[in-house]
C-alpha atoms as a PDB file:
ATOM      1  CA  MET A   1     -77.231  50.344  21.105  1.00  0.00           C
ATOM      2  CA  SER A   2     -79.363  53.259  19.977  1.00  0.00           C
ATOM      3  CA  SER A   3     -82.407  52.631  17.806  1.00  0.00           C
ATOM      4  CA  ARG A   4     -80.837  54.827  15.116  1.00  0.00           C
ATOM      5  CA  LEU A   5     -77.867  52.495  14.796  1.00  0.00           C
ATOM      6  CA  MET A   6     -80.092  49.437  14.751  1.00  0.00           C
ATOM      7  CA  GLN A   7     -82.114  50.866  11.862  1.00  0.00           C
ATOM      8  CA  MET A   8     -79.104  51.700   9.677  1.00  0.00           C
ATOM      9  CA  ARG A   9     -78.863  49.662   6.510  1.00  0.00           C
ATOM     10  CA  PRO A  10     -75.634  47.865   5.708  1.00  0.00           C
ATOM     11  CA  GLU A  11     -73.114  49.684   3.566  1.00  0.00           C
ATOM     12  CA  PHE A  12     -72.344  48.661   0.029  1.00  0.00           C
ATOM     13  CA  ILE A  13     -69.206  48.421  -2.057  1.00  0.00           C
ATOM     14  CA  VAL A  14     -68.870  49.038  -5.777  1.00  0.00           C
ATOM     15  CA  ARG A  15     -66.368  47.174  -7.917  1.00  0.00           C
ATOM     16  CA  ARG A  16     -65.992  45.667 -11.368  1.00  0.00           C
ATOM     17  CA  GLY A  17     -68.295  42.767 -11.993  1.00  0.00           C
ATOM     18  CA  ARG A  18     -67.022  39.287 -12.745  1.00  0.00           C
ATOM     19  CA  PHE A  19     -68.205  36.652 -15.188  1.00  0.00           C
ATOM     20  CA  ASP A  20     -69.347  34.391 -12.345  1.00  0.00           C
ATOM     21  CA  GLU A  21     -71.718  37.151 -11.167  1.00  0.00           C
ATOM     22  CA  LEU A  22     -73.742  37.377 -14.379  1.00  0.00           C
ATOM     23  CA  GLU A  23     -76.659  35.357 -12.983  1.00  0.00           C
ATOM     24  CA  ALA A  24     -76.852  37.628  -9.921  1.00  0.00           C
ATOM     25  CA  ILE A  25     -76.695  40.631 -12.258  1.00  0.00           C
ATOM     26  CA  ARG A  26     -79.567  39.203 -14.324  1.00  0.00           C
ATOM     27  CA  ASP A  27     -81.606  38.586 -11.144  1.00  0.00           C
ATOM     28  CA  THR A  28     -80.953  42.163 -10.003  1.00  0.00           C
ATOM     29  CA  HIS A  29     -82.091  43.414 -13.418  1.00  0.00           C
ATOM     30  CA  GLU A  30     -85.362  41.467 -13.121  1.00  0.00           C
ATOM     31  CA  ASP A  31     -85.986  42.737  -9.577  1.00  0.00           C
ATOM     32  CA  SER A  32     -85.412  46.324 -10.655  1.00  0.00           C
ATOM     33  CA  ILE A  33     -87.779  46.035 -13.599  1.00  0.00           C
ATOM     34  CA  GLN A  34     -90.540  44.433 -11.545  1.00  0.00           C
ATOM     35  CA  SER A  35     -90.096  46.876  -8.666  1.00  0.00           C
ATOM     36  CA  LEU A  36     -89.706  50.157 -10.515  1.00  0.00           C
ATOM     37  CA  GLY A  37     -91.198  49.807 -13.998  1.00  0.00           C
ATOM     38  CA  THR A  38     -94.835  48.913 -13.380  1.00  0.00           C
ATOM     39  CA  GLU A  39     -95.985  52.540 -13.214  1.00  0.00           C
ATOM     40  CA  PHE A  40     -94.673  53.263 -16.706  1.00  0.00           C
ATOM     41  CA  TYR A  41     -95.199  50.088 -18.745  1.00  0.00           C
ATOM     42  CA  SER A  42     -98.051  47.730 -19.607  1.00  0.00           C
ATOM     43  CA  ALA A  43     -98.494  44.307 -18.020  1.00  0.00           C
ATOM     44  CA  GLU A  44     -97.502  42.672 -21.326  1.00  0.00           C
ATOM     45  CA  VAL A  45     -94.237  44.609 -21.475  1.00  0.00           C
ATOM     46  CA  MET A  46     -93.536  43.901 -17.797  1.00  0.00           C
ATOM     47  CA  ASN A  47     -94.106  40.168 -18.252  1.00  0.00           C
ATOM     48  CA  GLU A  48     -91.853  39.923 -21.304  1.00  0.00           C
ATOM     49  CA  TRP A  49     -89.190  42.390 -20.185  1.00  0.00           C
ATOM     50  CA  GLY A  50     -88.834  41.635 -16.519  1.00  0.00           C
ATOM     51  CA  ARG A  51     -89.355  37.909 -16.011  1.00  0.00           C
ATOM     52  CA  ASN A  52     -87.376  34.815 -16.930  1.00  0.00           C
ATOM     53  CA  ARG A  53     -84.663  36.760 -18.703  1.00  0.00           C
ATOM     54  CA  PRO A  54     -82.213  34.459 -20.493  1.00  0.00           C
ATOM     55  CA  ILE A  55     -78.585  34.652 -19.362  1.00  0.00           C
ATOM     56  CA  GLU A  56     -77.179  34.593 -22.910  1.00  0.00           C
ATOM     57  CA  PRO A  57     -77.450  38.370 -23.594  1.00  0.00           C
ATOM     58  CA  TYR A  58     -75.443  39.083 -20.442  1.00  0.00           C
ATOM     59  CA  ILE A  59     -72.775  36.561 -21.447  1.00  0.00           C
ATOM     60  CA  GLU A  60     -72.693  37.943 -24.992  1.00  0.00           C
ATOM     61  CA  ALA A  61     -72.295  41.547 -23.761  1.00  0.00           C
ATOM     62  CA  TYR A  62     -69.537  40.471 -21.362  1.00  0.00           C
ATOM     63  CA  HIS A  63     -67.614  38.720 -24.141  1.00  0.00           C
ATOM     64  CA  ASN A  64     -68.147  41.712 -26.445  1.00  0.00           C
ATOM     65  CA  GLY A  65     -66.270  43.947 -24.010  1.00  0.00           C
ATOM     66  CA  ASP A  66     -68.954  45.544 -21.857  1.00  0.00           C
ATOM     67  CA  ILE A  67     -67.536  46.506 -18.478  1.00  0.00           C
ATOM     68  CA  ASN A  68     -69.893  45.671 -15.613  1.00  0.00           C
ATOM     69  CA  PHE A  69     -69.856  47.233 -12.179  1.00  0.00           C
ATOM     70  CA  VAL A  70     -71.692  45.755  -9.223  1.00  0.00           C
ATOM     71  CA  ALA A  71     -72.815  47.255  -5.942  1.00  0.00           C
ATOM     72  CA  LYS A  72     -72.712  44.550  -3.288  1.00  0.00           C
ATOM     73  CA  ASP A  73     -74.011  44.498   0.238  1.00  0.00           C
ATOM     74  CA  SER A  74     -70.968  44.633   2.496  1.00  0.00           C
ATOM     75  CA  GLU A  75     -72.504  42.179   4.968  1.00  0.00           C
ATOM     76  CA  ASP A  76     -74.057  39.427   2.854  1.00  0.00           C
ATOM     77  CA  ASP A  77     -72.377  39.978  -0.541  1.00  0.00           C
ATOM     78  CA  ARG A  78     -75.715  40.293  -2.409  1.00  0.00           C
ATOM     79  CA  VAL A  79     -75.734  42.235  -5.681  1.00  0.00           C
ATOM     80  CA  LEU A  80     -77.839  45.332  -4.995  1.00  0.00           C
ATOM     81  CA  GLY A  81     -77.359  47.001  -8.368  1.00  0.00           C
ATOM     82  CA  TYR A  82     -75.213  47.016 -11.461  1.00  0.00           C
ATOM     83  CA  SER A  83     -74.172  49.193 -14.354  1.00  0.00           C
ATOM     84  CA  ALA A  84     -72.447  48.521 -17.643  1.00  0.00           C
ATOM     85  CA  TYR A  85     -70.266  50.580 -19.953  1.00  0.00           C
ATOM     86  CA  SER A  86     -69.871  49.934 -23.665  1.00  0.00           C
ATOM     87  CA  LEU A  87     -68.256  51.673 -26.595  1.00  0.00           C
ATOM     88  CA  LYS A  88     -70.370  51.435 -29.749  1.00  0.00           C
ATOM     89  CA  ASP A  89     -69.883  53.272 -33.017  1.00  0.00           C
ATOM     90  CA  GLY A  90     -67.476  55.693 -31.361  1.00  0.00           C
ATOM     91  CA  LYS A  91     -69.928  56.640 -28.591  1.00  0.00           C
ATOM     92  CA  HIS A  92     -69.532  55.882 -24.909  1.00  0.00           C
ATOM     93  CA  TRP A  93     -72.701  54.296 -23.517  1.00  0.00           C
ATOM     94  CA  LEU A  94     -74.128  53.646 -20.109  1.00  0.00           C
ATOM     95  CA  SER A  95     -75.651  50.502 -21.531  1.00  0.00           C
ATOM     96  CA  ARG A  96     -77.349  49.379 -18.302  1.00  0.00           C
ATOM     97  CA  LEU A  97     -77.983  50.701 -14.811  1.00  0.00           C
ATOM     98  CA  PHE A  98     -80.393  48.839 -12.547  1.00  0.00           C
ATOM     99  CA  VAL A  99     -80.874  48.826  -8.773  1.00  0.00           C
ATOM    100  CA  ARG A 100     -83.055  46.456  -6.780  1.00  0.00           C
ATOM    101  CA  GLY A 101     -86.321  48.209  -5.914  1.00  0.00           C
ATOM    102  CA  ALA A 102     -85.887  47.824  -2.148  1.00  0.00           C
ATOM    103  CA  GLU A 103     -82.498  49.548  -2.397  1.00  0.00           C
ATOM    104  CA  LYS A 104     -83.705  52.669  -4.223  1.00  0.00           C
ATOM    105  CA  GLY A 105     -82.604  55.950  -2.660  1.00  0.00           C
ATOM    106  CA  ARG A 106     -79.399  54.688  -1.007  1.00  0.00           C
ATOM    107  CA  GLY A 107     -76.996  56.231  -3.529  1.00  0.00           C
ATOM    108  CA  ILE A 108     -76.309  52.923  -5.267  1.00  0.00           C
ATOM    109  CA  GLY A 109     -77.348  54.160  -8.713  1.00  0.00           C
ATOM    110  CA  SER A 110     -75.236  57.295  -8.292  1.00  0.00           C
ATOM    111  CA  ALA A 111     -72.186  55.256  -7.288  1.00  0.00           C
ATOM    112  CA  LEU A 112     -72.635  52.893 -10.245  1.00  0.00           C
ATOM    113  CA  LEU A 113     -73.045  55.823 -12.645  1.00  0.00           C
ATOM    114  CA  ARG A 114     -69.813  57.403 -11.334  1.00  0.00           C
ATOM    115  CA  GLU A 115     -67.896  54.238 -12.224  1.00  0.00           C
ATOM    116  CA  VAL A 116     -69.153  54.351 -15.818  1.00  0.00           C
ATOM    117  CA  GLU A 117     -68.376  58.080 -16.020  1.00  0.00           C
ATOM    118  CA  ASN A 118     -64.829  57.341 -14.802  1.00  0.00           C
ATOM    119  CA  VAL A 119     -64.289  54.682 -17.485  1.00  0.00           C
ATOM    120  CA  THR A 120     -65.626  57.100 -20.096  1.00  0.00           C
ATOM    121  CA  ARG A 121     -63.174  59.805 -18.997  1.00  0.00           C
ATOM    122  CA  GLU A 122     -60.294  57.293 -18.883  1.00  0.00           C
ATOM    123  CA  SER A 123     -61.196  56.407 -22.477  1.00  0.00           C
ATOM    124  CA  PHE A 124     -61.051  60.114 -23.390  1.00  0.00           C
ATOM    125  CA  GLY A 125     -64.808  60.316 -23.839  1.00  0.00           C
ATOM    126  CA  ARG A 126     -66.437  63.724 -23.569  1.00  0.00           C
ATOM    127  CA  GLU A 127     -70.032  62.507 -23.618  1.00  0.00           C
ATOM    128  CA  LEU A 128     -71.880  59.601 -22.065  1.00  0.00           C
ATOM    129  CA  TRP A 129     -75.012  58.367 -23.806  1.00  0.00           C
ATOM    130  CA  VAL A 130     -77.885  56.306 -22.438  1.00  0.00           C
ATOM    131  CA  THR A 131     -81.081  54.823 -23.802  1.00  0.00           C
ATOM    132  CA  GLY A 132     -83.103  54.859 -20.619  1.00  0.00           C
ATOM    133  CA  THR A 133     -86.462  53.669 -19.461  1.00  0.00           C
ATOM    134  CA  LEU A 134     -89.239  56.108 -18.702  1.00  0.00           C
ATOM    135  CA  SER A 135     -88.976  55.116 -15.036  1.00  0.00           C
ATOM    136  CA  ALA A 136     -85.333  56.282 -14.977  1.00  0.00           C
ATOM    137  CA  ARG A 137     -85.881  59.712 -16.570  1.00  0.00           C
ATOM    138  CA  ALA A 138     -85.963  61.640 -13.268  1.00  0.00           C
ATOM    139  CA  PHE A 139     -82.718  59.979 -12.149  1.00  0.00           C
ATOM    140  CA  TYR A 140     -80.900  60.898 -15.362  1.00  0.00           C
ATOM    141  CA  ASP A 141     -82.291  64.442 -15.310  1.00  0.00           C
ATOM    142  CA  ALA A 142     -80.967  64.853 -11.757  1.00  0.00           C
ATOM    143  CA  LYS A 143     -77.535  63.566 -12.826  1.00  0.00           C
ATOM    144  CA  GLY A 144     -77.098  66.165 -15.554  1.00  0.00           C
ATOM    145  CA  PHE A 145     -78.182  64.208 -18.610  1.00  0.00           C
ATOM    146  CA  GLU A 146     -79.913  66.130 -21.399  1.00  0.00           C
ATOM    147  CA  PHE A 147     -82.872  64.735 -23.295  1.00  0.00           C
ATOM    148  CA  VAL A 148     -82.042  63.957 -26.934  1.00  0.00           C
ATOM    149  CA  GLU A 149     -85.078  62.090 -28.259  1.00  0.00           C
ATOM    150  CA  ASP A 150     -87.891  59.672 -27.598  1.00  0.00           C
ATOM    151  CA  THR A 151     -87.352  56.199 -28.997  1.00  0.00           C
ATOM    152  CA  ILE A 152     -88.699  52.690 -28.779  1.00  0.00           C
ATOM    153  CA  SER A 153     -86.814  49.524 -27.925  1.00  0.00           C
ATOM    154  CA  PRO A 154     -87.757  45.933 -28.641  1.00  0.00           C
ATOM    155  CA  VAL A 155     -88.748  44.021 -25.538  1.00  0.00           C
ATOM    156  CA  GLY A 156     -86.370  41.145 -24.974  1.00  0.00           C
ATOM    157  CA  ARG A 157     -85.509  39.497 -28.237  1.00  0.00           C
ATOM    158  CA  ARG A 158     -88.987  39.893 -29.689  1.00  0.00           C
ATOM    159  CA  ASP A 159     -89.576  41.851 -32.855  1.00  0.00           C
ATOM    160  CA  ASP A 160     -93.289  42.408 -32.295  1.00  0.00           C
ATOM    161  CA  LEU A 161     -93.331  44.135 -28.887  1.00  0.00           C
ATOM    162  CA  PHE A 162     -91.767  47.527 -28.159  1.00  0.00           C
ATOM    163  CA  MET A 163     -91.469  49.839 -25.179  1.00  0.00           C
ATOM    164  CA  ALA A 164     -91.093  53.602 -25.022  1.00  0.00           C
ATOM    165  CA  CYS A 165     -87.638  54.807 -24.005  1.00  0.00           C
ATOM    166  CA  ILE A 166     -85.581  57.989 -24.065  1.00  0.00           C
ATOM    167  CA  VAL A 167     -82.131  58.779 -25.418  1.00  0.00           C
ATOM    168  CA  MET A 168     -80.110  61.149 -23.263  1.00  0.00           C
ATOM    169  CA  LYS A 169     -76.505  62.340 -23.094  1.00  0.00           C
ATOM    170  CA  LYS A 170     -74.262  63.961 -20.552  1.00  0.00           C
ATOM    171  CA  ARG A 171     -71.219  66.099 -21.218  1.00  0.00           C
ATOM    172  CA  LEU A 172     -68.276  65.081 -19.066  1.00  0.00           C
END
């Protein structure tokens, strides 16, 4: 076997997420935050935002109609990334998109974004909105999103700690 084939990373599949995968989704979210956010956010934000996340917000979002997509390793079935679509106040939202840090650059985020774009189109949406992290700005710029405004988001469920974010939209 050639060394090139030996070095290839396993493929991934993207499909709708299931309720029984919410813990793996939460763990993927934490990994992504800890791997990719440290350059943009303070240690306090990183500790509160990216560690020991409760499962309840994921369960609540699932029961409120968010549609999750997962990218899974085709060999070991690990969740490598996930995205979520929601419809709020008449706007179509990419409410979450996170990829494990070690998996960055494999096309996982792009594949997960396409699934949310497809649901938006199927729902007759013409725009997709996102409140993104500063660490994700380059990704969204490259995918055709336009900057709308700077904003802040509460960290976790705290009302005394905030992080800088950006609101962007993409015409579909």
